[in-house]
């Protein structure tokens, strides 16, 4: 009987200790997310009814084509929250990890019609619709995630002038300067930028998922 009691004293605390060590779901850092309107990503804390929001930085309309040959515009994202990034299918470096981490977002919101993902190819002449489709099948990319190709200038202008995904502040870049970044950008239903995240960092992507849930409450 003493041996049995000793076993319970040793094993049960260990069992419950392990149970309590289970990773907790990441919570959003704030009750409301800030707004951003410049490459410095200086947060702007604005009231949703503020007149300043009327003229605040928004993502403009665009016209691109996804992996299914469908035309994708801002109409596709009407009343949607979306996460965007820039990649290319033949990238041997950071893109595979970015795609893997974006899959975390896809999985978290796979049954949520309110959240979409948008990945722009920075080598659109190489990444044709069939090439994007092949990549989508290989990476198990679902219907809530659009891989898009199109006019290179439009894609690069969107990345640099509107999503602010590159960090080379003050350095003007042209169409011949390759656009390559690990950043994920969070866009709200009104086309405002609400967050920037390191797409190579799993913890940062978990924070992105938490922030999306915060944004859904607005």
Foldseek 3Di string as FASTA:
>chain_A
DVVVVVCCVPPVVVVVVVVVPPDDQDAAPDLAFFFAADLVRDGDRDDPPDPVVVPGAFQDWDWWAFLVRDTDIVVQLAQAKEKEEEEALVDPPQVVLLLVLVVVVCVLCVVPPRYAYEYEYLPQVPCDSPNRNVSCVVSVPDPRYTYTHDDNVVVVCSCCVRQSQDNPPPDDDDSPDGDDHQKMWIAGNRRTTRDIFRSNDNVRSSNVSNNVVSRVVD
